[in-house]
Amino acid sequence: MIREKLVNEYRHLVNASYPYINSLLNNCYIKIIDGYLNPVSPAYYYLGIYYAGRNGKEITLYKYELKNIAKTFGMIDVVFINAKRIIRDPASTLKQENPRLWLELYWISSKVTTNLD
């Protein structure tokens, strides 16, 4: 629950600072990921942005801005992950280990956006 609030605050700050980037993040799934160097060391946190393959290049263009905002929340780094690759990977056990995350990634990767400009 605290992680969800932190992600919502992150989105709010991105929206206040860079509205265009926030519109790109609407097609992404953002998750706080924790890592450990060894079992006794304290955890470090970074932000995982799962994107669909079609908007990956556009989001990674703004990685400097997204990393700077994440650093204000105490995150080490921002990692960009292609959701379609994870879903289609036959060796992935994500569907069995974390079915909710798998469904979220499936939903993100199957969204269809049309540019009728």
PDB file of N, CA and C in Angstrom:
ATOM      1  N   MET A   1       0.815  -1.184   0.000  1.00  0.00           N
ATOM      2  CA  MET A   1       0.000   0.000   0.000  1.00  0.00           C
ATOM      3  C   MET A   1       0.867   1.259   0.000  1.00  0.00           C
ATOM      4  N   ILE A   2       1.943   1.243   0.760  1.00  0.00           N
ATOM      5  CA  ILE A   2       2.834   2.391   0.796  1.00  0.00           C
ATOM      6  C   ILE A   2       3.521   2.557  -0.553  1.00  0.00           C
ATOM      7  N   ARG A   3       3.861   1.446  -1.186  1.00  0.00           N
ATOM      8  CA  ARG A   3       4.511   1.520  -2.497  1.00  0.00           C
ATOM      9  C   ARG A   3       3.570   2.116  -3.542  1.00  0.00           C
ATOM     10  N   GLU A   4       2.298   1.755  -3.478  1.00  0.00           N
ATOM     11  CA  GLU A   4       1.326   2.309  -4.422  1.00  0.00           C
ATOM     12  C   GLU A   4       1.181   3.812  -4.230  1.00  0.00           C
ATOM     13  N   LYS A   5       1.182   4.268  -2.985  1.00  0.00           N
ATOM     14  CA  LYS A   5       1.104   5.705  -2.722  1.00  0.00           C
ATOM     15  C   LYS A   5       2.343   6.419  -3.231  1.00  0.00           C
ATOM     16  N   LEU A   6       3.510   5.778  -3.061  1.00  0.00           N
ATOM     17  CA  LEU A   6       4.745   6.371  -3.546  1.00  0.00           C
ATOM     18  C   LEU A   6       4.748   6.474  -5.067  1.00  0.00           C
ATOM     19  N   VAL A   7       4.230   5.453  -5.733  1.00  0.00           N
ATOM     20  CA  VAL A   7       4.136   5.486  -7.195  1.00  0.00           C
ATOM     21  C   VAL A   7       3.155   6.571  -7.635  1.00  0.00           C
ATOM     22  N   ASN A   8       2.051   6.719  -6.914  1.00  0.00           N
ATOM     23  CA  ASN A   8       1.088   7.778  -7.248  1.00  0.00           C
ATOM     24  C   ASN A   8       1.697   9.161  -7.052  1.00  0.00           C
ATOM     25  N   GLU A   9       2.483   9.335  -5.996  1.00  0.00           N
ATOM     26  CA  GLU A   9       3.170  10.618  -5.778  1.00  0.00           C
ATOM     27  C   GLU A   9       4.192  10.875  -6.880  1.00  0.00           C
ATOM     28  N   TYR A  10       4.873   9.816  -7.314  1.00  0.00           N
ATOM     29  CA  TYR A  10       5.829   9.942  -8.415  1.00  0.00           C
ATOM     30  C   TYR A  10       5.112  10.398  -9.679  1.00  0.00           C
ATOM     31  N   ARG A  11       3.991   9.743  -9.990  1.00  0.00           N
ATOM     32  CA  ARG A  11       3.220  10.145 -11.174  1.00  0.00           C
ATOM     33  C   ARG A  11       2.734  11.591 -11.062  1.00  0.00           C
ATOM     34  N   HIS A  12       2.306  11.984  -9.860  1.00  0.00           N
ATOM     35  CA  HIS A  12       1.830  13.352  -9.644  1.00  0.00           C
ATOM     36  C   HIS A  12       2.949  14.360  -9.890  1.00  0.00           C
ATOM     37  N   LEU A  13       4.145  14.062  -9.412  1.00  0.00           N
ATOM     38  CA  LEU A  13       5.277  14.974  -9.616  1.00  0.00           C
ATOM     39  C   LEU A  13       5.690  15.030 -11.083  1.00  0.00           C
ATOM     40  N   VAL A  14       5.639  13.881 -11.752  1.00  0.00           N
ATOM     41  CA  VAL A  14       5.943  13.874 -13.192  1.00  0.00           C
ATOM     42  C   VAL A  14       4.905  14.695 -13.942  1.00  0.00           C
ATOM     43  N   ASN A  15       3.641  14.568 -13.563  1.00  0.00           N
ATOM     44  CA  ASN A  15       2.578  15.329 -14.211  1.00  0.00           C
ATOM     45  C   ASN A  15       2.760  16.831 -13.991  1.00  0.00           C
ATOM     46  N   ALA A  16       3.163  17.221 -12.788  1.00  0.00           N
ATOM     47  CA  ALA A  16       3.371  18.646 -12.504  1.00  0.00           C
ATOM     48  C   ALA A  16       4.578  19.193 -13.246  1.00  0.00           C
ATOM     49  N   SER A  17       5.612  18.385 -13.401  1.00  0.00           N
ATOM     50  CA  SER A  17       6.843  18.864 -14.034  1.00  0.00           C
ATOM     51  C   SER A  17       6.839  18.696 -15.542  1.00  0.00           C
ATOM     52  N   TYR A  18       6.406  17.528 -16.008  1.00  0.00           N
ATOM     53  CA  TYR A  18       6.444  17.207 -17.437  1.00  0.00           C
ATOM     54  C   TYR A  18       5.126  16.544 -17.846  1.00  0.00           C
ATOM     55  N   PRO A  19       4.122  17.314 -18.205  1.00  0.00           N
ATOM     56  CA  PRO A  19       2.820  16.723 -18.561  1.00  0.00           C
ATOM     57  C   PRO A  19       2.882  15.762 -19.749  1.00  0.00           C
ATOM     58  N   TYR A  20       3.759  16.035 -20.706  1.00  0.00           N
ATOM     59  CA  TYR A  20       3.847  15.149 -21.869  1.00  0.00           C
ATOM     60  C   TYR A  20       4.381  13.774 -21.466  1.00  0.00           C
ATOM     61  N   ILE A  21       5.369  13.756 -20.594  1.00  0.00           N
ATOM     62  CA  ILE A  21       5.919  12.480 -20.133  1.00  0.00           C
ATOM     63  C   ILE A  21       4.861  11.713 -19.350  1.00  0.00           C
ATOM     64  N   ASN A  22       4.056  12.421 -18.589  1.00  0.00           N
ATOM     65  CA  ASN A  22       2.994  11.758 -17.845  1.00  0.00           C
ATOM     66  C   ASN A  22       1.999  11.082 -18.787  1.00  0.00           C
ATOM     67  N   SER A  23       1.721  11.709 -19.921  1.00  0.00           N
ATOM     68  CA  SER A  23       0.811  11.069 -20.878  1.00  0.00           C
ATOM     69  C   SER A  23       1.421   9.788 -21.451  1.00  0.00           C
ATOM     70  N   LEU A  24       2.747   9.745 -21.560  1.00  0.00           N
ATOM     71  CA  LEU A  24       3.408   8.516 -21.999  1.00  0.00           C
ATOM     72  C   LEU A  24       3.356   7.445 -20.910  1.00  0.00           C
ATOM     73  N   LEU A  25       3.472   7.883 -19.660  1.00  0.00           N
ATOM     74  CA  LEU A  25       3.449   6.928 -18.550  1.00  0.00           C
ATOM     75  C   LEU A  25       2.067   6.328 -18.315  1.00  0.00           C
ATOM     76  N   ASN A  26       1.035   6.926 -18.886  1.00  0.00           N
ATOM     77  CA  ASN A  26      -0.309   6.354 -18.749  1.00  0.00           C
ATOM     78  C   ASN A  26      -0.409   4.999 -19.431  1.00  0.00           C
ATOM     79  N   ASN A  27       0.478   4.735 -20.386  1.00  0.00           N
ATOM     80  CA  ASN A  27       0.490   3.451 -21.081  1.00  0.00           C
ATOM     81  C   ASN A  27       1.526   2.502 -20.503  1.00  0.00           C
ATOM     82  N   CYS A  28       1.986   2.772 -19.291  1.00  0.00           N
ATOM     83  CA  CYS A  28       3.020   1.966 -18.653  1.00  0.00           C
ATOM     84  C   CYS A  28       2.558   1.478 -17.288  1.00  0.00           C
ATOM     85  N   TYR A  29       3.257   0.471 -16.794  1.00  0.00           N
ATOM     86  CA  TYR A  29       3.035  -0.026 -15.438  1.00  0.00           C
ATOM     87  C   TYR A  29       4.287   0.307 -14.644  1.00  0.00           C
ATOM     88  N   ILE A  30       4.129   1.009 -13.540  1.00  0.00           N
ATOM     89  CA  ILE A  30       5.269   1.443 -12.727  1.00  0.00           C
ATOM     90  C   ILE A  30       5.249   0.665 -11.420  1.00  0.00           C
ATOM     91  N   LYS A  31       6.419   0.157 -11.050  1.00  0.00           N
ATOM     92  CA  LYS A  31       6.525  -0.644  -9.834  1.00  0.00           C
ATOM     93  C   LYS A  31       7.839  -0.315  -9.134  1.00  0.00           C
ATOM     94  N   ILE A  32       7.801  -0.294  -7.807  1.00  0.00           N
ATOM     95  CA  ILE A  32       9.012  -0.116  -7.025  1.00  0.00           C
ATOM     96  C   ILE A  32       9.621  -1.492  -6.792  1.00  0.00           C
ATOM     97  N   ILE A  33      10.883  -1.633  -7.159  1.00  0.00           N
ATOM     98  CA  ILE A  33      11.578  -2.908  -7.059  1.00  0.00           C
ATOM     99  C   ILE A  33      12.691  -2.759  -6.038  1.00  0.00           C
ATOM    100  N   ASP A  34      12.801  -3.732  -5.143  1.00  0.00           N
ATOM    101  CA  ASP A  34      13.869  -3.670  -4.161  1.00  0.00           C
ATOM    102  C   ASP A  34      14.917  -4.726  -4.477  1.00  0.00           C
ATOM    103  N   GLY A  35      16.150  -4.377  -4.144  1.00  0.00           N
ATOM    104  CA  GLY A  35      17.265  -5.281  -4.386  1.00  0.00           C
ATOM    105  C   GLY A  35      18.177  -5.319  -3.176  1.00  0.00           C
ATOM    106  N   TYR A  36      18.979  -6.376  -3.104  1.00  0.00           N
ATOM    107  CA  TYR A  36      19.894  -6.568  -1.992  1.00  0.00           C
ATOM    108  C   TYR A  36      21.255  -6.987  -2.541  1.00  0.00           C
ATOM    109  N   LEU A  37      22.315  -6.448  -1.963  1.00  0.00           N
ATOM    110  CA  LEU A  37      23.648  -6.894  -2.334  1.00  0.00           C
ATOM    111  C   LEU A  37      23.967  -8.233  -1.684  1.00  0.00           C
ATOM    112  N   ASN A  38      23.581  -8.373  -0.428  1.00  0.00           N
ATOM    113  CA  ASN A  38      23.712  -9.641   0.288  1.00  0.00           C
ATOM    114  C   ASN A  38      22.612  -9.693   1.346  1.00  0.00           C
ATOM    115  N   PRO A  39      22.403 -10.815   1.986  1.00  0.00           N
ATOM    116  CA  PRO A  39      21.271 -10.927   2.915  1.00  0.00           C
ATOM    117  C   PRO A  39      21.300  -9.984   4.115  1.00  0.00           C
ATOM    118  N   VAL A  40      22.469  -9.518   4.529  1.00  0.00           N
ATOM    119  CA  VAL A  40      22.532  -8.665   5.716  1.00  0.00           C
ATOM    120  C   VAL A  40      22.596  -7.175   5.386  1.00  0.00           C
ATOM    121  N   SER A  41      22.785  -6.835   4.130  1.00  0.00           N
ATOM    122  CA  SER A  41      22.856  -5.421   3.761  1.00  0.00           C
ATOM    123  C   SER A  41      21.453  -4.833   3.641  1.00  0.00           C
ATOM    124  N   PRO A  42      21.333  -3.540   3.832  1.00  0.00           N
ATOM    125  CA  PRO A  42      20.002  -2.923   3.680  1.00  0.00           C
ATOM    126  C   PRO A  42      19.566  -2.936   2.210  1.00  0.00           C
ATOM    127  N   ALA A  43      18.278  -2.893   2.024  1.00  0.00           N
ATOM    128  CA  ALA A  43      17.724  -2.924   0.667  1.00  0.00           C
ATOM    129  C   ALA A  43      17.932  -1.582  -0.021  1.00  0.00           C
ATOM    130  N   TYR A  44      18.059  -1.625  -1.305  1.00  0.00           N
ATOM    131  CA  TYR A  44      18.047  -0.416  -2.115  1.00  0.00           C
ATOM    132  C   TYR A  44      16.878  -0.533  -3.077  1.00  0.00           C
ATOM    133  N   TYR A  45      16.330   0.593  -3.459  1.00  0.00           N
ATOM    134  CA  TYR A  45      15.106   0.605  -4.253  1.00  0.00           C
ATOM    135  C   TYR A  45      15.340   1.307  -5.578  1.00  0.00           C
ATOM    136  N   TYR A  46      14.722   0.782  -6.582  1.00  0.00           N
ATOM    137  CA  TYR A  46      14.717   1.445  -7.876  1.00  0.00           C
ATOM    138  C   TYR A  46      13.346   1.308  -8.491  1.00  0.00           C
ATOM    139  N   LEU A  47      13.107   2.115  -9.499  1.00  0.00           N
ATOM    140  CA  LEU A  47      11.789   2.184 -10.122  1.00  0.00           C
ATOM    141  C   LEU A  47      11.807   1.396 -11.418  1.00  0.00           C
ATOM    142  N   GLY A  48      10.852   0.506 -11.577  1.00  0.00           N
ATOM    143  CA  GLY A  48      10.719  -0.260 -12.804  1.00  0.00           C
ATOM    144  C   GLY A  48       9.555   0.277 -13.612  1.00  0.00           C
ATOM    145  N   ILE A  49       9.833   0.674 -14.834  1.00  0.00           N
ATOM    146  CA  ILE A  49       8.794   1.155 -15.739  1.00  0.00           C
ATOM    147  C   ILE A  49       8.637   0.113 -16.838  1.00  0.00           C
ATOM    148  N   TYR A  50       7.524  -0.595 -16.797  1.00  0.00           N
ATOM    149  CA  TYR A  50       7.216  -1.613 -17.802  1.00  0.00           C
ATOM    150  C   TYR A  50       6.427  -0.945 -18.918  1.00  0.00           C
ATOM    151  N   TYR A  51       6.949  -1.007 -20.119  1.00  0.00           N
ATOM    152  CA  TYR A  51       6.305  -0.357 -21.254  1.00  0.00           C
ATOM    153  C   TYR A  51       5.988  -1.381 -22.333  1.00  0.00           C
ATOM    154  N   ALA A  52       5.012  -1.045 -23.158  1.00  0.00           N
ATOM    155  CA  ALA A  52       4.724  -1.877 -24.324  1.00  0.00           C
ATOM    156  C   ALA A  52       5.777  -1.571 -25.379  1.00  0.00           C
ATOM    157  N   GLY A  53       6.047  -2.500 -26.233  1.00  0.00           N
ATOM    158  CA  GLY A  53       7.116  -2.352 -27.210  1.00  0.00           C
ATOM    159  C   GLY A  53       6.983  -1.142 -28.111  1.00  0.00           C
ATOM    160  N   ARG A  54       5.751  -0.738 -28.391  1.00  0.00           N
ATOM    161  CA  ARG A  54       5.546   0.338 -29.364  1.00  0.00           C
ATOM    162  C   ARG A  54       5.922   1.722 -28.841  1.00  0.00           C
ATOM    163  N   ASN A  55       5.942   1.943 -27.529  1.00  0.00           N
ATOM    164  CA  ASN A  55       6.269   3.276 -27.027  1.00  0.00           C
ATOM    165  C   ASN A  55       7.559   3.292 -26.216  1.00  0.00           C
ATOM    166  N   GLY A  56       8.366   2.270 -26.351  1.00  0.00           N
ATOM    167  CA  GLY A  56       9.606   2.181 -25.588  1.00  0.00           C
ATOM    168  C   GLY A  56      10.635   3.231 -25.951  1.00  0.00           C
ATOM    169  N   LYS A  57      10.815   3.474 -27.242  1.00  0.00           N
ATOM    170  CA  LYS A  57      11.807   4.463 -27.659  1.00  0.00           C
ATOM    171  C   LYS A  57      11.455   5.855 -27.161  1.00  0.00           C
ATOM    172  N   GLU A  58      10.194   6.175 -27.214  1.00  0.00           N
ATOM    173  CA  GLU A  58       9.767   7.512 -26.816  1.00  0.00           C
ATOM    174  C   GLU A  58       9.937   7.732 -25.315  1.00  0.00           C
ATOM    175  N   ILE A  59       9.676   6.714 -24.520  1.00  0.00           N
ATOM    176  CA  ILE A  59       9.827   6.847 -23.065  1.00  0.00           C
ATOM    177  C   ILE A  59      11.288   6.925 -22.679  1.00  0.00           C
ATOM    178  N   THR A  60      12.130   6.117 -23.313  1.00  0.00           N
ATOM    179  CA  THR A  60      13.544   6.123 -22.958  1.00  0.00           C
ATOM    180  C   THR A  60      14.241   7.417 -23.368  1.00  0.00           C
ATOM    181  N   LEU A  61      13.629   8.197 -24.235  1.00  0.00           N
ATOM    182  CA  LEU A  61      14.192   9.516 -24.553  1.00  0.00           C
ATOM    183  C   LEU A  61      14.194  10.436 -23.333  1.00  0.00           C
ATOM    184  N   TYR A  62      13.278  10.202 -22.415  1.00  0.00           N
ATOM    185  CA  TYR A  62      13.127  11.056 -21.236  1.00  0.00           C
ATOM    186  C   TYR A  62      13.662  10.396 -19.972  1.00  0.00           C
ATOM    187  N   LYS A  63      14.610   9.465 -20.121  1.00  0.00           N
ATOM    188  CA  LYS A  63      15.087   8.753 -18.944  1.00  0.00           C
ATOM    189  C   LYS A  63      15.845   9.662 -17.976  1.00  0.00           C
ATOM    190  N   TYR A  64      16.510  10.679 -18.468  1.00  0.00           N
ATOM    191  CA  TYR A  64      17.223  11.593 -17.577  1.00  0.00           C
ATOM    192  C   TYR A  64      16.246  12.316 -16.660  1.00  0.00           C
ATOM    193  N   GLU A  65      15.147  12.813 -17.206  1.00  0.00           N
ATOM    194  CA  GLU A  65      14.146  13.521 -16.403  1.00  0.00           C
ATOM    195  C   GLU A  65      13.477  12.581 -15.400  1.00  0.00           C
ATOM    196  N   LEU A  66      13.149  11.376 -15.848  1.00  0.00           N
ATOM    197  CA  LEU A  66      12.496  10.409 -14.965  1.00  0.00           C
ATOM    198  C   LEU A  66      13.423   9.961 -13.834  1.00  0.00           C
ATOM    199  N   LYS A  67      14.716   9.826 -14.135  1.00  0.00           N
ATOM    200  CA  LYS A  67      15.679   9.440 -13.099  1.00  0.00           C
ATOM    201  C   LYS A  67      15.858  10.550 -12.070  1.00  0.00           C
ATOM    202  N   ASN A  68      15.871  11.791 -12.525  1.00  0.00           N
ATOM    203  CA  ASN A  68      16.023  12.896 -11.575  1.00  0.00           C
ATOM    204  C   ASN A  68      14.846  12.967 -10.612  1.00  0.00           C
ATOM    205  N   ILE A  69      13.650  12.750 -11.107  1.00  0.00           N
ATOM    206  CA  ILE A  69      12.482  12.766 -10.226  1.00  0.00           C
ATOM    207  C   ILE A  69      12.522  11.573  -9.276  1.00  0.00           C
ATOM    208  N   ALA A  70      12.967  10.418  -9.756  1.00  0.00           N
ATOM    209  CA  ALA A  70      13.051   9.235  -8.895  1.00  0.00           C
ATOM    210  C   ALA A  70      14.079   9.423  -7.789  1.00  0.00           C
ATOM    211  N   LYS A  71      15.131  10.148  -8.069  1.00  0.00           N
ATOM    212  CA  LYS A  71      16.154  10.388  -7.046  1.00  0.00           C
ATOM    213  C   LYS A  71      15.608  11.241  -5.909  1.00  0.00           C
ATOM    214  N   THR A  72      14.645  12.106  -6.193  1.00  0.00           N
ATOM    215  CA  THR A  72      14.054  12.902  -5.112  1.00  0.00           C
ATOM    216  C   THR A  72      13.250  12.025  -4.156  1.00  0.00           C
ATOM    217  N   PHE A  73      12.826  10.836  -4.621  1.00  0.00           N
ATOM    218  CA  PHE A  73      12.107   9.893  -3.775  1.00  0.00           C
ATOM    219  C   PHE A  73      13.037   8.872  -3.132  1.00  0.00           C
ATOM    220  N   GLY A  74      14.337   8.990  -3.349  1.00  0.00           N
ATOM    221  CA  GLY A  74      15.294   8.077  -2.744  1.00  0.00           C
ATOM    222  C   GLY A  74      15.563   6.821  -3.544  1.00  0.00           C
ATOM    223  N   MET A  75      15.157   6.799  -4.792  1.00  0.00           N
ATOM    224  CA  MET A  75      15.402   5.634  -5.645  1.00  0.00           C
ATOM    225  C   MET A  75      16.826   5.698  -6.191  1.00  0.00           C
ATOM    226  N   ILE A  76      17.422   4.556  -6.367  1.00  0.00           N
ATOM    227  CA  ILE A  76      18.776   4.485  -6.903  1.00  0.00           C
ATOM    228  C   ILE A  76      18.784   4.764  -8.404  1.00  0.00           C
ATOM    229  N   ASP A  77      17.842   4.159  -9.120  1.00  0.00           N
ATOM    230  CA  ASP A  77      17.836   4.248 -10.570  1.00  0.00           C
ATOM    231  C   ASP A  77      16.441   3.958 -11.101  1.00  0.00           C
ATOM    232  N   VAL A  78      16.255   4.183 -12.396  1.00  0.00           N
ATOM    233  CA  VAL A  78      15.024   3.834 -13.090  1.00  0.00           C
ATOM    234  C   VAL A  78      15.385   2.814 -14.158  1.00  0.00           C
ATOM    235  N   VAL A  79      14.630   1.724 -14.193  1.00  0.00           N
ATOM    236  CA  VAL A  79      14.875   0.664 -15.153  1.00  0.00           C
ATOM    237  C   VAL A  79      13.682   0.578 -16.082  1.00  0.00           C
ATOM    238  N   PHE A  80      13.950   0.538 -17.386  1.00  0.00           N
ATOM    239  CA  PHE A  80      12.898   0.435 -18.396  1.00  0.00           C
ATOM    240  C   PHE A  80      12.855  -1.005 -18.902  1.00  0.00           C
ATOM    241  N   ILE A  81      11.679  -1.630 -18.816  1.00  0.00           N
ATOM    242  CA  ILE A  81      11.534  -3.045 -19.144  1.00  0.00           C
ATOM    243  C   ILE A  81      10.413  -3.208 -20.168  1.00  0.00           C
ATOM    244  N   ASN A  82      10.693  -3.950 -21.227  1.00  0.00           N
ATOM    245  CA  ASN A  82       9.703  -4.213 -22.259  1.00  0.00           C
ATOM    246  C   ASN A  82       8.748  -5.306 -21.767  1.00  0.00           C
ATOM    247  N   ALA A  83       7.496  -4.960 -21.565  1.00  0.00           N
ATOM    248  CA  ALA A  83       6.509  -5.899 -21.018  1.00  0.00           C
ATOM    249  C   ALA A  83       6.206  -7.029 -21.994  1.00  0.00           C
ATOM    250  N   LYS A  84       6.218  -6.741 -23.284  1.00  0.00           N
ATOM    251  CA  LYS A  84       5.914  -7.780 -24.270  1.00  0.00           C
ATOM    252  C   LYS A  84       6.943  -8.898 -24.245  1.00  0.00           C
ATOM    253  N   ARG A  85       8.190  -8.549 -24.029  1.00  0.00           N
ATOM    254  CA  ARG A  85       9.231  -9.574 -23.992  1.00  0.00           C
ATOM    255  C   ARG A  85       9.060 -10.499 -22.793  1.00  0.00           C
ATOM    256  N   ILE A  86       8.671  -9.932 -21.673  1.00  0.00           N
ATOM    257  CA  ILE A  86       8.471 -10.755 -20.479  1.00  0.00           C
ATOM    258  C   ILE A  86       7.285 -11.689 -20.672  1.00  0.00           C
ATOM    259  N   ILE A  87       6.214 -11.172 -21.272  1.00  0.00           N
ATOM    260  CA  ILE A  87       5.001 -11.976 -21.462  1.00  0.00           C
ATOM    261  C   ILE A  87       5.254 -13.124 -22.446  1.00  0.00           C
ATOM    262  N   ARG A  88       5.996 -12.841 -23.493  1.00  0.00           N
ATOM    263  CA  ARG A  88       6.194 -13.841 -24.548  1.00  0.00           C
ATOM    264  C   ARG A  88       7.376 -14.778 -24.294  1.00  0.00           C
ATOM    265  N   ASP A  89       8.137 -14.544 -23.243  1.00  0.00           N
ATOM    266  CA  ASP A  89       9.294 -15.377 -22.943  1.00  0.00           C
ATOM    267  C   ASP A  89       8.828 -16.756 -22.473  1.00  0.00           C
ATOM    268  N   PRO A  90       9.162 -17.818 -23.209  1.00  0.00           N
ATOM    269  CA  PRO A  90       8.691 -19.145 -22.811  1.00  0.00           C
ATOM    270  C   PRO A  90       9.349 -19.652 -21.523  1.00  0.00           C
ATOM    271  N   ALA A  91      10.500 -19.126 -21.156  1.00  0.00           N
ATOM    272  CA  ALA A  91      11.196 -19.577 -19.945  1.00  0.00           C
ATOM    273  C   ALA A  91      10.768 -18.793 -18.708  1.00  0.00           C
ATOM    274  N   SER A  92       9.950 -17.792 -18.891  1.00  0.00           N
ATOM    275  CA  SER A  92       9.526 -16.971 -17.758  1.00  0.00           C
ATOM    276  C   SER A  92       8.564 -17.732 -16.850  1.00  0.00           C
ATOM    277  N   THR A  93       8.773 -17.595 -15.554  1.00  0.00           N
ATOM    278  CA  THR A  93       7.883 -18.213 -14.571  1.00  0.00           C
ATOM    279  C   THR A  93       7.043 -17.155 -13.863  1.00  0.00           C
ATOM    280  N   LEU A  94       6.992 -15.966 -14.432  1.00  0.00           N
ATOM    281  CA  LEU A  94       6.257 -14.871 -13.808  1.00  0.00           C
ATOM    282  C   LEU A  94       4.770 -15.174 -13.680  1.00  0.00           C
ATOM    283  N   LYS A  95       4.214 -15.860 -14.642  1.00  0.00           N
ATOM    284  CA  LYS A  95       2.778 -16.164 -14.615  1.00  0.00           C
ATOM    285  C   LYS A  95       2.427 -17.037 -13.410  1.00  0.00           C
ATOM    286  N   GLN A  96       3.313 -17.946 -13.033  1.00  0.00           N
ATOM    287  CA  GLN A  96       3.058 -18.810 -11.886  1.00  0.00           C
ATOM    288  C   GLN A  96       3.435 -18.128 -10.566  1.00  0.00           C
ATOM    289  N   GLU A  97       4.511 -17.350 -10.580  1.00  0.00           N
ATOM    290  CA  GLU A  97       5.002 -16.744  -9.344  1.00  0.00           C
ATOM    291  C   GLU A  97       4.225 -15.496  -8.932  1.00  0.00           C
ATOM    292  N   ASN A  98       3.854 -14.678  -9.900  1.00  0.00           N
ATOM    293  CA  ASN A  98       3.146 -13.438  -9.598  1.00  0.00           C
ATOM    294  C   ASN A  98       2.077 -13.208 -10.673  1.00  0.00           C
ATOM    295  N   PRO A  99       0.944 -13.883 -10.570  1.00  0.00           N
ATOM    296  CA  PRO A  99      -0.067 -13.782 -11.624  1.00  0.00           C
ATOM    297  C   PRO A  99      -0.660 -12.382 -11.777  1.00  0.00           C
ATOM    298  N   ARG A 100      -0.743 -11.619 -10.696  1.00  0.00           N
ATOM    299  CA  ARG A 100      -1.301 -10.267 -10.804  1.00  0.00           C
ATOM    300  C   ARG A 100      -0.394  -9.365 -11.642  1.00  0.00           C
ATOM    301  N   LEU A 101       0.912  -9.422 -11.385  1.00  0.00           N
ATOM    302  CA  LEU A 101       1.852  -8.637 -12.184  1.00  0.00           C
ATOM    303  C   LEU A 101       1.814  -9.096 -13.636  1.00  0.00           C
ATOM    304  N   TRP A 102       1.719 -10.404 -13.871  1.00  0.00           N
ATOM    305  CA  TRP A 102       1.659 -10.915 -15.233  1.00  0.00           C
ATOM    306  C   TRP A 102       0.434 -10.366 -15.961  1.00  0.00           C
ATOM    307  N   LEU A 103      -0.718 -10.332 -15.274  1.00  0.00           N
ATOM    308  CA  LEU A 103      -1.933  -9.801 -15.895  1.00  0.00           C
ATOM    309  C   LEU A 103      -1.807  -8.306 -16.172  1.00  0.00           C
ATOM    310  N   GLU A 104      -1.200  -7.572 -15.255  1.00  0.00           N
ATOM    311  CA  GLU A 104      -0.990  -6.139 -15.480  1.00  0.00           C
ATOM    312  C   GLU A 104      -0.102  -5.915 -16.703  1.00  0.00           C
ATOM    313  N   LEU A 105       0.965  -6.686 -16.816  1.00  0.00           N
ATOM    314  CA  LEU A 105       1.863  -6.543 -17.962  1.00  0.00           C
ATOM    315  C   LEU A 105       1.184  -6.964 -19.255  1.00  0.00           C
ATOM    316  N   TYR A 106       0.366  -7.997 -19.180  1.00  0.00           N
ATOM    317  CA  TYR A 106      -0.377  -8.428 -20.362  1.00  0.00           C
ATOM    318  C   TYR A 106      -1.336  -7.328 -20.813  1.00  0.00           C
ATOM    319  N   TRP A 107      -1.995  -6.694 -19.844  1.00  0.00           N
ATOM    320  CA  TRP A 107      -2.926  -5.615 -20.157  1.00  0.00           C
ATOM    321  C   TRP A 107      -2.194  -4.431 -20.783  1.00  0.00           C
ATOM    322  N   ILE A 108      -1.040  -4.068 -20.235  1.00  0.00           N
ATOM    323  CA  ILE A 108      -0.256  -2.954 -20.777  1.00  0.00           C
ATOM    324  C   ILE A 108       0.210  -3.277 -22.202  1.00  0.00           C
ATOM    325  N   SER A 109       0.687  -4.498 -22.414  1.00  0.00           N
ATOM    326  CA  SER A 109       1.216  -4.838 -23.730  1.00  0.00           C
ATOM    327  C   SER A 109       0.144  -5.004 -24.783  1.00  0.00           C
ATOM    328  N   SER A 110      -1.105  -5.220 -24.370  1.00  0.00           N
ATOM    329  CA  SER A 110      -2.166  -5.418 -25.354  1.00  0.00           C
ATOM    330  C   SER A 110      -2.969  -4.152 -25.633  1.00  0.00           C
ATOM    331  N   LYS A 111      -2.645  -3.060 -24.952  1.00  0.00           N
ATOM    332  CA  LYS A 111      -3.362  -1.805 -25.223  1.00  0.00           C
ATOM    333  C   LYS A 111      -3.087  -1.361 -26.652  1.00  0.00           C
ATOM    334  N   VAL A 112      -4.120  -0.872 -27.293  1.00  0.00           N
ATOM    335  CA  VAL A 112      -3.989  -0.379 -28.655  1.00  0.00           C
ATOM    336  C   VAL A 112      -4.256   1.112 -28.648  1.00  0.00           C
ATOM    337  N   THR A 113      -3.286   1.861 -29.136  1.00  0.00           N
ATOM    338  CA  THR A 113      -3.477   3.304 -29.246  1.00  0.00           C
ATOM    339  C   THR A 113      -3.420   3.680 -30.721  1.00  0.00           C
ATOM    340  N   THR A 114      -4.241   4.588 -31.115  1.00  0.00           N
ATOM    341  CA  THR A 114      -4.254   5.053 -32.494  1.00  0.00           C
ATOM    342  C   THR A 114      -3.882   6.524 -32.515  1.00  0.00           C
ATOM    343  N   ASN A 115      -3.063   6.876 -33.471  1.00  0.00           N
ATOM    344  CA  ASN A 115      -2.678   8.274 -33.643  1.00  0.00           C
ATOM    345  C   ASN A 115      -3.400   8.794 -34.897  1.00  0.00           C
ATOM    346  N   LEU A 116      -4.481   9.482 -34.692  1.00  0.00           N
ATOM    347  CA  LEU A 116      -5.276   9.983 -35.802  1.00  0.00           C
ATOM    348  C   LEU A 116      -5.046  11.460 -36.057  1.00  0.00           C
ATOM    349  N   ASP A 117      -3.888  11.966 -35.680  1.00  0.00           N
ATOM    350  CA  ASP A 117      -3.587  13.394 -35.882  1.00  0.00           C
ATOM    351  C   ASP A 117      -3.388  13.732 -37.328  1.00  0.00           C
TER     352      ASP A 117
END
